[in-house]
Protein backbone atom coordinates (compact mmCIF):
# COMPACT_ATOMS: atom_id res chain seq x y z
CA MET A 1 11.37 -0.95 22.64
CA ARG A 2 14.07 -1.07 24.60
CA LEU A 3 17.28 0.14 22.51
CA ASP A 4 19.36 -3.51 23.25
CA LYS A 5 15.96 -5.71 22.62
CA LEU A 6 15.64 -3.55 19.62
CA LEU A 7 19.05 -4.36 18.53
CA ALA A 8 19.03 -8.06 19.00
CA GLU A 9 15.55 -8.32 16.99
CA LEU A 10 17.46 -5.98 13.94
CA THR A 11 20.59 -8.44 13.97
CA GLY A 12 20.71 -12.17 15.41
CA MET A 13 23.03 -10.95 18.46
CA THR A 14 22.45 -11.84 21.56
CA ARG A 15 20.98 -9.22 24.36
CA SER A 16 24.58 -9.06 26.14
CA LYS A 17 26.15 -8.74 22.64
CA ALA A 18 23.57 -5.54 22.08
CA ARG A 19 24.54 -3.79 25.42
CA GLU A 20 28.11 -3.74 24.48
CA VAL A 21 27.69 -2.80 20.46
CA ILE A 22 25.39 -0.02 22.05
CA GLN A 23 27.78 1.06 24.82
CA GLY A 24 30.51 1.10 22.46
CA GLY A 25 28.89 3.93 20.10
CA ARG A 26 27.84 1.83 17.17
CA VAL A 27 25.07 2.66 17.21
CA CYS A 28 22.71 5.75 15.83
CA VAL A 29 18.87 6.42 16.41
CA ASP A 30 17.73 9.28 13.56
CA GLY A 31 21.66 9.77 12.95
CA GLU A 32 22.04 10.38 17.19
CA VAL A 33 24.54 8.10 18.77
CA LYS A 34 22.92 6.37 21.62
CA THR A 35 24.49 4.55 24.47
CA VAL A 36 21.68 4.23 26.93
CA ILE A 37 20.73 0.10 26.57
CA ALA A 38 17.46 0.74 28.11
CA GLU A 39 16.38 4.02 26.08
CA GLN A 40 12.84 3.60 24.49
CA VAL A 41 12.94 3.66 20.76
CA ASN A 42 9.55 3.75 18.43
CA GLU A 43 10.91 0.99 16.47
CA ASP A 44 7.94 1.75 13.71
CA THR A 45 9.70 5.59 13.02
CA VAL A 46 13.03 5.24 13.76
CA CYS A 47 15.66 5.37 11.62
CA VAL A 48 18.84 2.44 13.06
CA THR A 49 22.11 2.42 12.25
CA LEU A 50 24.77 -0.51 13.18
CA ASP A 51 27.92 1.14 11.87
CA GLY A 52 26.74 3.23 9.42
CA GLN A 53 24.42 0.45 7.72
CA ALA A 54 20.34 1.03 8.38
CA LEU A 55 18.70 -2.49 9.86
CA VAL A 56 15.19 -2.78 8.90
CA PHE A 57 12.71 -3.64 11.44
CA HIS A 58 9.99 -6.57 10.39
CA LYS A 59 6.96 -6.74 12.76
CA TYR A 60 6.87 -10.59 11.39
CA VAL A 61 9.68 -12.57 9.71
CA TYR A 62 8.11 -15.07 6.65
CA TYR A 63 10.23 -17.56 5.36
CA MET A 64 9.60 -20.62 2.91
CA LEU A 65 11.08 -23.96 3.37
CA ASN A 66 12.51 -26.73 1.32
CA LYS A 67 10.96 -29.29 3.96
CA PRO A 68 13.63 -32.79 3.32
CA ALA A 69 12.55 -35.92 4.07
CA GLY A 70 13.37 -36.98 7.57
CA THR A 71 12.39 -34.17 9.59
CA VAL A 72 9.41 -33.35 11.80
CA SER A 73 7.40 -30.47 11.55
CA ALA A 74 7.94 -28.92 15.11
CA THR A 75 10.04 -26.18 16.86
CA GLN A 76 11.67 -29.01 18.99
CA ASP A 77 11.52 -32.37 18.95
CA ARG A 78 13.75 -35.21 21.64
CA SER A 79 14.28 -37.94 18.47
CA ASP A 80 14.13 -36.33 15.53
CA LYS A 81 15.10 -32.86 13.73
CA THR A 82 13.10 -29.99 13.44
CA VAL A 83 11.92 -27.82 10.54
CA VAL A 84 12.72 -25.36 12.31
CA GLY A 85 16.27 -26.58 13.48
CA LEU A 86 17.31 -26.16 9.62
CA LEU A 87 16.73 -22.64 10.03
CA SER A 88 20.29 -20.70 10.84
CA GLU A 89 20.87 -20.05 14.62
CA ALA A 90 20.69 -16.01 14.03
CA ASP A 91 17.23 -16.94 12.76
CA ARG A 92 16.10 -19.21 15.25
CA LYS A 93 17.11 -17.02 17.68
CA ARG A 94 15.70 -13.72 16.46
CA ARG A 95 12.16 -15.04 16.89
CA ASN A 96 9.95 -17.28 18.04
CA LEU A 97 9.38 -19.24 14.87
CA PHE A 98 6.80 -22.14 14.15
CA PRO A 99 5.62 -23.89 11.04
CA VAL A 100 2.25 -23.04 9.20
CA GLY A 101 1.17 -26.52 9.73
CA ARG A 102 2.12 -30.09 9.25
CA LEU A 103 4.33 -32.30 6.32
CA ASP A 104 4.77 -35.90 7.01
CA LYS A 105 7.67 -36.56 8.52
CA ASP A 106 8.98 -38.43 4.81
CA THR A 107 6.86 -35.47 2.81
CA GLU A 108 9.26 -33.01 1.34
CA GLY A 109 8.38 -29.50 -0.13
CA LEU A 110 7.06 -25.96 0.84
CA LEU A 111 6.59 -25.12 4.19
CA LEU A 112 6.25 -22.13 5.43
CA ILE A 113 7.18 -20.78 8.74
CA THR A 114 6.73 -17.55 10.74
CA ASP A 115 6.12 -15.90 14.21
CA ASP A 116 2.95 -14.48 12.87
CA GLY A 117 0.28 -16.38 14.45
CA ALA A 118 -2.64 -14.50 13.14
CA LEU A 119 -1.77 -15.41 9.70
CA SER A 120 -1.07 -19.07 10.58
CA HIS A 121 -4.34 -19.23 11.94
CA ARG A 122 -6.59 -17.77 8.80
CA MET A 123 -4.31 -19.74 6.81
CA LEU A 124 -4.94 -23.47 8.36
CA SER A 125 -8.30 -22.37 9.23
CA PRO A 126 -10.81 -24.57 6.40
CA LYS A 127 -13.25 -21.37 6.43
CA SER A 128 -10.18 -19.54 4.52
CA HIS A 129 -10.46 -22.43 2.11
CA VAL A 130 -6.71 -22.09 0.64
CA ASP A 131 -5.33 -24.25 -1.80
CA LYS A 132 -2.39 -26.89 -1.25
CA LEU A 133 -1.01 -28.37 -3.83
CA TYR A 134 1.21 -31.56 -3.81
CA PHE A 135 2.95 -33.78 -6.43
CA ALA A 136 2.52 -37.37 -5.71
CA LYS A 137 4.81 -40.57 -6.86
CA LEU A 138 1.99 -43.54 -7.13
CA ALA A 139 2.23 -47.09 -7.93
CA ARG A 140 -0.23 -46.95 -10.76
CA GLU A 141 -1.49 -44.32 -13.61
CA ILE A 142 -4.97 -42.88 -11.56
CA THR A 143 -8.50 -43.78 -13.92
CA GLU A 144 -11.31 -41.01 -14.14
CA GLU A 145 -13.24 -42.55 -11.90
CA ASP A 146 -10.06 -41.61 -9.02
CA ILE A 147 -10.78 -38.23 -10.30
CA ALA A 148 -14.27 -38.52 -10.15
CA LEU A 149 -14.30 -39.69 -6.60
CA PHE A 150 -11.90 -37.09 -5.15
CA ALA A 151 -14.15 -34.30 -7.02
CA SER A 152 -17.20 -35.43 -5.07
CA GLY A 153 -15.67 -35.64 -1.80
CA MET A 154 -14.90 -39.20 0.03
CA ARG A 155 -14.95 -41.11 3.53
CA VAL A 156 -11.69 -42.36 3.20
CA ASP A 157 -11.93 -44.71 6.26
CA GLY A 158 -14.34 -44.21 9.67
CA GLU A 159 -11.92 -41.83 10.89
CA LEU A 160 -11.49 -39.51 7.56
CA THR A 161 -13.59 -37.77 5.97
CA ALA A 162 -11.94 -35.74 3.08
CA LEU A 163 -13.76 -32.75 1.28
CA PRO A 164 -13.79 -32.16 -2.60
CA ALA A 165 -9.90 -32.09 -3.71
CA ALA A 166 -8.70 -32.03 -7.67
CA LEU A 167 -6.89 -34.84 -8.54
CA ARG A 168 -5.20 -34.83 -12.18
CA LYS A 169 -2.29 -36.30 -14.47
CA LEU A 170 0.73 -34.29 -14.61
CA THR A 171 1.86 -32.03 -17.73
CA PRO A 172 4.88 -33.85 -19.15
CA GLU A 173 6.76 -30.64 -18.34
CA GLU A 174 5.77 -31.11 -14.55
CA ALA A 175 6.64 -34.91 -14.98
CA GLU A 176 10.00 -34.34 -15.97
CA GLU A 177 10.93 -31.94 -13.36
CA PHE A 178 9.26 -33.41 -10.72
CA LEU A 179 10.20 -37.13 -11.62
CA PRO A 180 13.54 -37.20 -13.83
CA ASP A 181 13.57 -40.82 -13.84
CA GLY A 182 10.14 -41.40 -14.49
CA GLY A 183 7.02 -43.06 -12.54
CA VAL A 184 3.53 -42.71 -12.24
CA ALA A 185 3.19 -38.88 -11.00
CA ALA A 186 -0.13 -36.78 -10.08
CA ALA A 187 -1.05 -33.20 -8.61
CA VAL A 188 -3.43 -33.48 -6.17
CA THR A 189 -5.23 -30.08 -4.63
CA LEU A 190 -7.38 -30.03 -1.72
CA GLN A 191 -7.41 -27.39 1.49
CA GLU A 192 -7.46 -29.34 4.24
CA GLY A 193 -4.63 -30.80 6.20
CA LYS A 194 -5.35 -33.61 8.21
CA PHE A 195 -3.12 -36.49 9.21
CA HIS A 196 -1.73 -38.45 6.19
CA GLN A 197 -4.15 -36.86 4.21
CA VAL A 198 -3.19 -37.52 0.75
CA LYS A 199 -1.76 -40.67 1.17
CA ARG A 200 -5.12 -41.81 2.93
CA MET A 201 -7.55 -40.41 0.06
CA PHE A 202 -4.83 -42.59 -2.23
CA ALA A 203 -5.01 -45.76 -0.55
CA ALA A 204 -8.81 -44.94 -0.63
CA THR A 205 -8.45 -45.99 -4.39
CA GLY A 206 -6.74 -49.02 -4.25
CA ASN A 207 -3.58 -46.30 -5.22
CA GLU A 208 -0.44 -46.00 -2.86
CA VAL A 209 1.79 -42.94 -2.88
CA LEU A 210 5.59 -43.53 -2.95
CA TYR A 211 6.76 -40.09 -2.95
CA LEU A 212 4.76 -37.01 -1.73
CA LYS A 213 6.15 -33.20 -2.13
CA ARG A 214 4.00 -30.22 -1.50
CA MET A 215 4.48 -27.57 -4.47
CA ALA A 216 2.25 -24.84 -3.33
CA VAL A 217 0.46 -23.06 -0.73
CA GLY A 218 -2.25 -20.62 -2.20
CA GLY A 219 -0.42 -18.25 -4.93
CA VAL A 220 2.25 -19.19 -3.29
CA ARG A 221 4.89 -21.68 -5.20
CA LEU A 222 8.16 -23.47 -3.93
CA ASP A 223 10.88 -21.87 -5.18
CA ARG A 224 12.83 -24.17 -7.93
CA SER A 225 16.39 -23.24 -6.94
CA LEU A 226 15.54 -24.16 -2.84
CA SER A 227 17.46 -27.40 -2.48
CA PRO A 228 16.30 -29.86 0.39
CA GLY A 229 16.54 -27.96 3.89
CA ALA A 230 17.21 -24.44 2.21
CA TYR A 231 15.04 -21.30 2.59
CA ARG A 232 14.75 -18.11 2.27
CA GLU A 233 12.13 -15.40 3.03
CA LEU A 234 9.29 -14.60 1.22
CA THR A 235 9.29 -11.29 -0.81
CA LYS A 236 6.62 -8.77 -0.48
CA GLU A 237 4.61 -9.62 -2.77
CA GLU A 238 4.29 -13.35 -1.80
CA VAL A 239 3.47 -12.90 1.76
CA SER A 240 0.62 -9.94 0.41
CA CYS A 241 -0.24 -12.76 -1.92
CA LEU A 242 -0.64 -15.65 1.51
CA MET A 243 -2.65 -12.91 3.23
CA ALA A 244 -5.43 -12.35 0.47
CA ASP A 245 -5.43 -15.81 0.04
CA ALA A 246 -5.93 -16.40 3.72
CA GLY A 247 -8.35 -13.01 3.79
CA MET A 248 -6.69 -10.90 6.14
CA PRO A 249 -8.18 -7.55 6.33
CA GLU A 250 -6.08 -4.74 3.99
CA GLY A 251 -5.21 -2.39 7.46
CA GLU A 252 -3.32 -6.26 8.71
CA MET A 253 -2.39 -6.83 5.33
CA LYS A 254 -0.26 -3.25 5.70
CA SER A 255 1.22 -3.10 9.23
CA ASP A 256 2.81 -6.93 8.26
CA VAL A 257 3.72 -6.57 4.97
CA ASP A 258 5.59 -2.89 4.51
CA LYS A 259 7.26 -2.72 8.06
């Protein structure tokens, strides 16, 4: 990779700013000052420093966003604020980032954002059977008949057929955190992500979803410290967990996580 491009990838600065910094003698590769902006370097093996500070190259980036209501799961939109638009300008410039799957505009909670197309494809593939956990505030209590119906799979309407899903009441601890002001709530775990699926499944039982929040994808749970609209990078353990959930080969896991 060209040195100016690598520096831009590592820092989020523009290519023109990266060229200026390199020509100013502030960048070292393996301890040697480099001033040729077009010099080719191996991003996998070299040590790059800026003003003496080591920079780490990641093949891909992975973010956990606590999606707020009112944002759309897209990279750009003419009328609504997008989830990618919630990231800092530096993070947006560094990569061609996109959300993994979609959450409805009024749905909150865990949304993964990355530039790793292979992982996204595996996570969304029905063959991977990746669980998605949602907490829902409902108009009425769920019944044993509702739980059985969700578990058996259901034809919601003429367009939507839903695979079996696990429906349960929240524990007192979960309910207190999710609905501190009280109300009726339940948890549903499914392996699909069809249009308005959770809302349509509850509607088929004669219930109504008043508020919906995704709490987990696979083995990765929403960080409770993230306020709506806030995000952070996934830890190495969380990325490894996602890749295992998606059935990524061991070699792919190492190449993506360890860099």
